[in-house]
Amino acid sequence: MPEVEGSRFTPPGWHEHRFETQERIMALQFGQVEKRLERIELLMGALEKRLWVTVYGVVAVILTQAVQGILDYVPKGG
């Protein structure tokens, strides 16, 4: 009895071609996911910088108010 490859409705070598196509599609999908992750990392870096600027701004305001409070208690010469 001859060896049968797949279905009688599919041409020989079709399964190998299908496997190669799936590999190419997966490679494209992983490439797109990698690009999206790089974009997310860039956005996170920018967000982190903004957060630190905000934190430093809040600390500067608190320190300024503390120094003004101390200067109010210092006797003024004159």
PDB file of N, CA and C in Angstrom:
ATOM      1  N   MET A   1       0.852  -1.179   0.000  1.00  0.00           N
ATOM      2  CA  MET A   1       0.000   0.000   0.000  1.00  0.00           C
ATOM      3  C   MET A   1       0.895   1.239   0.000  1.00  0.00           C
ATOM      4  N   PRO A   2       0.628   2.197  -0.880  1.00  0.00           N
ATOM      5  CA  PRO A   2       1.459   3.397  -0.943  1.00  0.00           C
ATOM      6  C   PRO A   2       1.236   4.289   0.274  1.00  0.00           C
ATOM      7  N   GLU A   3       2.288   5.034   0.625  1.00  0.00           N
ATOM      8  CA  GLU A   3       2.226   5.923   1.779  1.00  0.00           C
ATOM      9  C   GLU A   3       1.423   7.167   1.404  1.00  0.00           C
ATOM     10  N   VAL A   4       0.435   7.533   2.227  1.00  0.00           N
ATOM     11  CA  VAL A   4      -0.446   8.660   1.942  1.00  0.00           C
ATOM     12  C   VAL A   4      -0.004   9.847   2.796  1.00  0.00           C
ATOM     13  N   GLU A   5       0.139  11.008   2.140  1.00  0.00           N
ATOM     14  CA  GLU A   5       0.525  12.225   2.850  1.00  0.00           C
ATOM     15  C   GLU A   5      -0.683  13.139   2.940  1.00  0.00           C
ATOM     16  N   GLY A   6      -1.250  13.311   4.129  1.00  0.00           N
ATOM     17  CA  GLY A   6      -2.373  14.214   4.320  1.00  0.00           C
ATOM     18  C   GLY A   6      -3.631  13.721   3.634  1.00  0.00           C
ATOM     19  N   SER A   7      -4.430  14.672   3.220  1.00  0.00           N
ATOM     20  CA  SER A   7      -5.703  14.382   2.583  1.00  0.00           C
ATOM     21  C   SER A   7      -5.533  14.278   1.072  1.00  0.00           C
ATOM     22  N   ARG A   8      -6.476  13.657   0.448  1.00  0.00           N
ATOM     23  CA  ARG A   8      -6.415  13.565  -1.019  1.00  0.00           C
ATOM     24  C   ARG A   8      -6.769  14.907  -1.658  1.00  0.00           C
ATOM     25  N   PHE A   9      -7.289  15.852  -0.851  1.00  0.00           N
ATOM     26  CA  PHE A   9      -7.668  17.163  -1.367  1.00  0.00           C
ATOM     27  C   PHE A   9      -6.547  18.195  -1.258  1.00  0.00           C
ATOM     28  N   THR A  10      -5.499  17.886  -0.545  1.00  0.00           N
ATOM     29  CA  THR A  10      -4.379  18.824  -0.402  1.00  0.00           C
ATOM     30  C   THR A  10      -3.198  18.334  -1.224  1.00  0.00           C
ATOM     31  N   PRO A  11      -2.522  19.257  -1.880  1.00  0.00           N
ATOM     32  CA  PRO A  11      -1.374  18.849  -2.693  1.00  0.00           C
ATOM     33  C   PRO A  11      -0.202  18.420  -1.819  1.00  0.00           C
ATOM     34  N   PRO A  12       0.696  17.629  -2.364  1.00  0.00           N
ATOM     35  CA  PRO A  12       1.868  17.216  -1.587  1.00  0.00           C
ATOM     36  C   PRO A  12       2.709  18.430  -1.194  1.00  0.00           C
ATOM     37  N   GLY A  13       3.223  18.390   0.004  1.00  0.00           N
ATOM     38  CA  GLY A  13       4.056  19.485   0.499  1.00  0.00           C
ATOM     39  C   GLY A  13       3.264  20.655   1.061  1.00  0.00           C
ATOM     40  N   TRP A  14       1.956  20.550   1.062  1.00  0.00           N
ATOM     41  CA  TRP A  14       1.114  21.645   1.539  1.00  0.00           C
ATOM     42  C   TRP A  14       1.335  21.906   3.028  1.00  0.00           C
ATOM     43  N   HIS A  15       1.495  20.864   3.810  1.00  0.00           N
ATOM     44  CA  HIS A  15       1.670  21.019   5.255  1.00  0.00           C
ATOM     45  C   HIS A  15       2.961  21.761   5.576  1.00  0.00           C
ATOM     46  N   GLU A  16       4.027  21.470   4.837  1.00  0.00           N
ATOM     47  CA  GLU A  16       5.294  22.167   5.067  1.00  0.00           C
ATOM     48  C   GLU A  16       5.159  23.650   4.727  1.00  0.00           C
ATOM     49  N   HIS A  17       4.465  23.927   3.635  1.00  0.00           N
ATOM     50  CA  HIS A  17       4.245  25.319   3.222  1.00  0.00           C
ATOM     51  C   HIS A  17       3.416  26.054   4.276  1.00  0.00           C
ATOM     52  N   ARG A  18       2.408  25.373   4.792  1.00  0.00           N
ATOM     53  CA  ARG A  18       1.548  25.980   5.810  1.00  0.00           C
ATOM     54  C   ARG A  18       2.356  26.264   7.075  1.00  0.00           C
ATOM     55  N   PHE A  19       3.224  25.350   7.458  1.00  0.00           N
ATOM     56  CA  PHE A  19       4.054  25.530   8.646  1.00  0.00           C
ATOM     57  C   PHE A  19       4.982  26.732   8.467  1.00  0.00           C
ATOM     58  N   GLU A  20       5.592  26.868   7.291  1.00  0.00           N
ATOM     59  CA  GLU A  20       6.488  27.999   7.019  1.00  0.00           C
ATOM     60  C   GLU A  20       5.714  29.315   7.066  1.00  0.00           C
ATOM     61  N   THR A  21       4.504  29.302   6.541  1.00  0.00           N
ATOM     62  CA  THR A  21       3.678  30.508   6.559  1.00  0.00           C
ATOM     63  C   THR A  21       3.339  30.906   7.988  1.00  0.00           C
ATOM     64  N   GLN A  22       2.988  29.930   8.801  1.00  0.00           N
ATOM     65  CA  GLN A  22       2.684  30.217  10.198  1.00  0.00           C
ATOM     66  C   GLN A  22       3.908  30.766  10.922  1.00  0.00           C
ATOM     67  N   GLU A  23       5.082  30.240  10.627  1.00  0.00           N
ATOM     68  CA  GLU A  23       6.306  30.753  11.244  1.00  0.00           C
ATOM     69  C   GLU A  23       6.534  32.204  10.865  1.00  0.00           C
ATOM     70  N   ARG A  24       6.312  32.536   9.593  1.00  0.00           N
ATOM     71  CA  ARG A  24       6.497  33.925   9.145  1.00  0.00           C
ATOM     72  C   ARG A  24       5.497  34.858   9.826  1.00  0.00           C
ATOM     73  N   ILE A  25       4.254  34.406   9.933  1.00  0.00           N
ATOM     74  CA  ILE A  25       3.227  35.225  10.586  1.00  0.00           C
ATOM     75  C   ILE A  25       3.592  35.446  12.051  1.00  0.00           C
ATOM     76  N   MET A  26       4.031  34.397  12.733  1.00  0.00           N
ATOM     77  CA  MET A  26       4.416  34.538  14.138  1.00  0.00           C
ATOM     78  C   MET A  26       5.603  35.478  14.295  1.00  0.00           C
ATOM     79  N   ALA A  27       6.558  35.418  13.383  1.00  0.00           N
ATOM     80  CA  ALA A  27       7.710  36.314  13.440  1.00  0.00           C
ATOM     81  C   ALA A  27       7.258  37.767  13.287  1.00  0.00           C
ATOM     82  N   LEU A  28       6.321  38.019  12.377  1.00  0.00           N
ATOM     83  CA  LEU A  28       5.794  39.376  12.211  1.00  0.00           C
ATOM     84  C   LEU A  28       5.051  39.837  13.462  1.00  0.00           C
ATOM     85  N   GLN A  29       4.273  38.943  14.043  1.00  0.00           N
ATOM     86  CA  GLN A  29       3.524  39.298  15.250  1.00  0.00           C
ATOM     87  C   GLN A  29       4.461  39.606  16.403  1.00  0.00           C
ATOM     88  N   PHE A  30       5.498  38.789  16.575  1.00  0.00           N
ATOM     89  CA  PHE A  30       6.454  39.052  17.648  1.00  0.00           C
ATOM     90  C   PHE A  30       7.207  40.349  17.398  1.00  0.00           C
ATOM     91  N   GLY A  31       7.494  40.641  16.137  1.00  0.00           N
ATOM     92  CA  GLY A  31       8.141  41.910  15.809  1.00  0.00           C
ATOM     93  C   GLY A  31       7.275  43.101  16.196  1.00  0.00           C
ATOM     94  N   GLN A  32       5.985  42.996  15.917  1.00  0.00           N
ATOM     95  CA  GLN A  32       5.062  44.075  16.282  1.00  0.00           C
ATOM     96  C   GLN A  32       4.949  44.217  17.794  1.00  0.00           C
ATOM     97  N   VAL A  33       4.903  43.107  18.504  1.00  0.00           N
ATOM     98  CA  VAL A  33       4.836  43.155  19.961  1.00  0.00           C
ATOM     99  C   VAL A  33       6.102  43.810  20.523  1.00  0.00           C
ATOM    100  N   GLU A  34       7.240  43.482  19.951  1.00  0.00           N
ATOM    101  CA  GLU A  34       8.497  44.075  20.407  1.00  0.00           C
ATOM    102  C   GLU A  34       8.504  45.585  20.181  1.00  0.00           C
ATOM    103  N   LYS A  35       8.006  46.028  19.021  1.00  0.00           N
ATOM    104  CA  LYS A  35       7.932  47.473  18.751  1.00  0.00           C
ATOM    105  C   LYS A  35       7.004  48.165  19.737  1.00  0.00           C
ATOM    106  N   ARG A  36       5.881  47.532  20.044  1.00  0.00           N
ATOM    107  CA  ARG A  36       4.945  48.124  21.008  1.00  0.00           C
ATOM    108  C   ARG A  36       5.573  48.217  22.393  1.00  0.00           C
ATOM    109  N   LEU A  37       6.301  47.177  22.794  1.00  0.00           N
ATOM    110  CA  LEU A  37       6.944  47.205  24.101  1.00  0.00           C
ATOM    111  C   LEU A  37       8.002  48.305  24.174  1.00  0.00           C
ATOM    112  N   GLU A  38       8.758  48.489  23.091  1.00  0.00           N
ATOM    113  CA  GLU A  38       9.749  49.565  23.069  1.00  0.00           C
ATOM    114  C   GLU A  38       9.063  50.921  23.205  1.00  0.00           C
ATOM    115  N   ARG A  39       7.941  51.091  22.525  1.00  0.00           N
ATOM    116  CA  ARG A  39       7.189  52.355  22.619  1.00  0.00           C
ATOM    117  C   ARG A  39       6.682  52.568  24.043  1.00  0.00           C
ATOM    118  N   ILE A  40       6.165  51.516  24.656  1.00  0.00           N
ATOM    119  CA  ILE A  40       5.677  51.616  26.035  1.00  0.00           C
ATOM    120  C   ILE A  40       6.821  51.982  26.975  1.00  0.00           C
ATOM    121  N   GLU A  41       7.995  51.382  26.778  1.00  0.00           N
ATOM    122  CA  GLU A  41       9.149  51.698  27.620  1.00  0.00           C
ATOM    123  C   GLU A  41       9.552  53.159  27.467  1.00  0.00           C
ATOM    124  N   LEU A  42       9.517  53.685  26.245  1.00  0.00           N
ATOM    125  CA  LEU A  42       9.841  55.099  26.033  1.00  0.00           C
ATOM    126  C   LEU A  42       8.831  55.999  26.747  1.00  0.00           C
ATOM    127  N   LEU A  43       7.551  55.652  26.633  1.00  0.00           N
ATOM    128  CA  LEU A  43       6.517  56.443  27.291  1.00  0.00           C
ATOM    129  C   LEU A  43       6.654  56.376  28.809  1.00  0.00           C
ATOM    130  N   MET A  44       7.017  55.212  29.326  1.00  0.00           N
ATOM    131  CA  MET A  44       7.214  55.074  30.769  1.00  0.00           C
ATOM    132  C   MET A  44       8.397  55.920  31.240  1.00  0.00           C
ATOM    133  N   GLY A  45       9.461  55.967  30.441  1.00  0.00           N
ATOM    134  CA  GLY A  45      10.610  56.801  30.787  1.00  0.00           C
ATOM    135  C   GLY A  45      10.239  58.265  30.847  1.00  0.00           C
ATOM    136  N   ALA A  46       9.454  58.726  29.869  1.00  0.00           N
ATOM    137  CA  ALA A  46       9.008  60.118  29.865  1.00  0.00           C
ATOM    138  C   ALA A  46       8.101  60.399  31.062  1.00  0.00           C
ATOM    139  N   LEU A  47       7.230  59.467  31.377  1.00  0.00           N
ATOM    140  CA  LEU A  47       6.335  59.627  32.523  1.00  0.00           C
ATOM    141  C   LEU A  47       7.125  59.672  33.832  1.00  0.00           C
ATOM    142  N   GLU A  48       8.159  58.839  33.923  1.00  0.00           N
ATOM    143  CA  GLU A  48       8.990  58.832  35.122  1.00  0.00           C
ATOM    144  C   GLU A  48       9.693  60.178  35.302  1.00  0.00           C
ATOM    145  N   LYS A  49      10.192  60.754  34.204  1.00  0.00           N
ATOM    146  CA  LYS A  49      10.838  62.068  34.289  1.00  0.00           C
ATOM    147  C   LYS A  49       9.855  63.121  34.773  1.00  0.00           C
ATOM    148  N   ARG A  50       8.641  63.084  34.241  1.00  0.00           N
ATOM    149  CA  ARG A  50       7.622  64.046  34.683  1.00  0.00           C
ATOM    150  C   ARG A  50       7.302  63.873  36.159  1.00  0.00           C
ATOM    151  N   LEU A  51       7.234  62.638  36.590  1.00  0.00           N
ATOM    152  CA  LEU A  51       6.941  62.370  37.995  1.00  0.00           C
ATOM    153  C   LEU A  51       8.023  62.947  38.897  1.00  0.00           C
ATOM    154  N   TRP A  52       9.291  62.742  38.523  1.00  0.00           N
ATOM    155  CA  TRP A  52      10.386  63.267  39.341  1.00  0.00           C
ATOM    156  C   TRP A  52      10.400  64.790  39.351  1.00  0.00           C
ATOM    157  N   VAL A  53      10.089  65.418  38.222  1.00  0.00           N
ATOM    158  CA  VAL A  53      10.010  66.888  38.188  1.00  0.00           C
ATOM    159  C   VAL A  53       8.911  67.361  39.136  1.00  0.00           C
ATOM    160  N   THR A  54       7.791  66.658  39.151  1.00  0.00           N
ATOM    161  CA  THR A  54       6.696  67.011  40.056  1.00  0.00           C
ATOM    162  C   THR A  54       7.114  66.837  41.514  1.00  0.00           C
ATOM    163  N   VAL A  55       7.774  65.735  41.814  1.00  0.00           N
ATOM    164  CA  VAL A  55       8.222  65.489  43.191  1.00  0.00           C
ATOM    165  C   VAL A  55       9.197  66.581  43.633  1.00  0.00           C
ATOM    166  N   TYR A  56      10.173  66.907  42.780  1.00  0.00           N
ATOM    167  CA  TYR A  56      11.131  67.952  43.125  1.00  0.00           C
ATOM    168  C   TYR A  56      10.429  69.298  43.287  1.00  0.00           C
ATOM    169  N   GLY A  57       9.435  69.571  42.487  1.00  0.00           N
ATOM    170  CA  GLY A  57       8.678  70.818  42.615  1.00  0.00           C
ATOM    171  C   GLY A  57       7.947  70.897  43.937  1.00  0.00           C
ATOM    172  N   VAL A  58       7.305  69.801  44.336  1.00  0.00           N
ATOM    173  CA  VAL A  58       6.589  69.776  45.617  1.00  0.00           C
ATOM    174  C   VAL A  58       7.573  69.953  46.776  1.00  0.00           C
ATOM    175  N   VAL A  59       8.704  69.275  46.706  1.00  0.00           N
ATOM    176  CA  VAL A  59       9.724  69.412  47.766  1.00  0.00           C
ATOM    177  C   VAL A  59      10.227  70.843  47.818  1.00  0.00           C
ATOM    178  N   ALA A  60      10.442  71.470  46.670  1.00  0.00           N
ATOM    179  CA  ALA A  60      10.912  72.859  46.639  1.00  0.00           C
ATOM    180  C   ALA A  60       9.900  73.796  47.287  1.00  0.00           C
ATOM    181  N   VAL A  61       8.607  73.585  47.018  1.00  0.00           N
ATOM    182  CA  VAL A  61       7.566  74.431  47.619  1.00  0.00           C
ATOM    183  C   VAL A  61       7.546  74.243  49.132  1.00  0.00           C
ATOM    184  N   ILE A  62       7.634  72.994  49.585  1.00  0.00           N
ATOM    185  CA  ILE A  62       7.621  72.729  51.038  1.00  0.00           C
ATOM    186  C   ILE A  62       8.839  73.354  51.709  1.00  0.00           C
ATOM    187  N   LEU A  63      10.002  73.216  51.116  1.00  0.00           N
ATOM    188  CA  LEU A  63      11.209  73.820  51.690  1.00  0.00           C
ATOM    189  C   LEU A  63      11.127  75.340  51.688  1.00  0.00           C
ATOM    190  N   THR A  64      10.590  75.917  50.642  1.00  0.00           N
ATOM    191  CA  THR A  64      10.440  77.373  50.578  1.00  0.00           C
ATOM    192  C   THR A  64       9.525  77.868  51.686  1.00  0.00           C
ATOM    193  N   GLN A  65       8.420  77.162  51.909  1.00  0.00           N
ATOM    194  CA  GLN A  65       7.498  77.557  52.984  1.00  0.00           C
ATOM    195  C   GLN A  65       8.164  77.400  54.347  1.00  0.00           C
ATOM    196  N   ALA A  66       8.972  76.333  54.509  1.00  0.00           N
ATOM    197  CA  ALA A  66       9.668  76.131  55.787  1.00  0.00           C
ATOM    198  C   ALA A  66      10.665  77.256  56.024  1.00  0.00           C
ATOM    199  N   VAL A  67      11.421  77.632  55.023  1.00  0.00           N
ATOM    200  CA  VAL A  67      12.405  78.714  55.167  1.00  0.00           C
ATOM    201  C   VAL A  67      11.697  80.037  55.448  1.00  0.00           C
ATOM    202  N   GLN A  68      10.581  80.296  54.790  1.00  0.00           N
ATOM    203  CA  GLN A  68       9.832  81.525  55.055  1.00  0.00           C
ATOM    204  C   GLN A  68       9.307  81.545  56.482  1.00  0.00           C
ATOM    205  N   GLY A  69       8.862  80.373  56.959  1.00  0.00           N
ATOM    206  CA  GLY A  69       8.393  80.292  58.346  1.00  0.00           C
ATOM    207  C   GLY A  69       9.517  80.571  59.329  1.00  0.00           C
ATOM    208  N   ILE A  70      10.700  80.059  59.056  1.00  0.00           N
ATOM    209  CA  ILE A  70      11.856  80.309  59.932  1.00  0.00           C
ATOM    210  C   ILE A  70      12.240  81.780  59.887  1.00  0.00           C
ATOM    211  N   LEU A  71      12.230  82.382  58.694  1.00  0.00           N
ATOM    212  CA  LEU A  71      12.604  83.791  58.559  1.00  0.00           C
ATOM    213  C   LEU A  71      11.615  84.718  59.250  1.00  0.00           C
ATOM    214  N   ASP A  72      10.377  84.271  59.401  1.00  0.00           N
ATOM    215  CA  ASP A  72       9.389  85.094  60.107  1.00  0.00           C
ATOM    216  C   ASP A  72       9.726  85.186  61.600  1.00  0.00           C
ATOM    217  N   TYR A  73      10.388  84.185  62.157  1.00  0.00           N
ATOM    218  CA  TYR A  73      10.727  84.189  63.581  1.00  0.00           C
ATOM    219  C   TYR A  73      12.076  84.855  63.855  1.00  0.00           C
ATOM    220  N   VAL A  74      12.864  85.058  62.858  1.00  0.00           N
ATOM    221  CA  VAL A  74      14.158  85.708  63.045  1.00  0.00           C
ATOM    222  C   VAL A  74      13.936  87.205  63.200  1.00  0.00           C
ATOM    223  N   PRO A  75      14.527  87.787  64.257  1.00  0.00           N
ATOM    224  CA  PRO A  75      14.327  89.235  64.445  1.00  0.00           C
ATOM    225  C   PRO A  75      14.945  90.022  63.284  1.00  0.00           C
ATOM    226  N   LYS A  76      14.225  91.013  62.887  1.00  0.00           N
ATOM    227  CA  LYS A  76      14.677  91.826  61.766  1.00  0.00           C
ATOM    228  C   LYS A  76      15.540  92.950  62.312  1.00  0.00           C
ATOM    229  N   GLY A  77      16.714  93.067  61.735  1.00  0.00           N
ATOM    230  CA  GLY A  77      17.642  94.111  62.188  1.00  0.00           C
ATOM    231  C   GLY A  77      17.341  95.433  61.495  1.00  0.00           C
ATOM    232  N   GLY A  78      17.592  96.462  62.205  1.00  0.00           N
ATOM    233  CA  GLY A  78      17.403  97.694  61.496  1.00  0.00           C
ATOM    234  C   GLY A  78      17.244  98.874  62.287  1.00  0.00           C
TER     235      GLY A  78
END
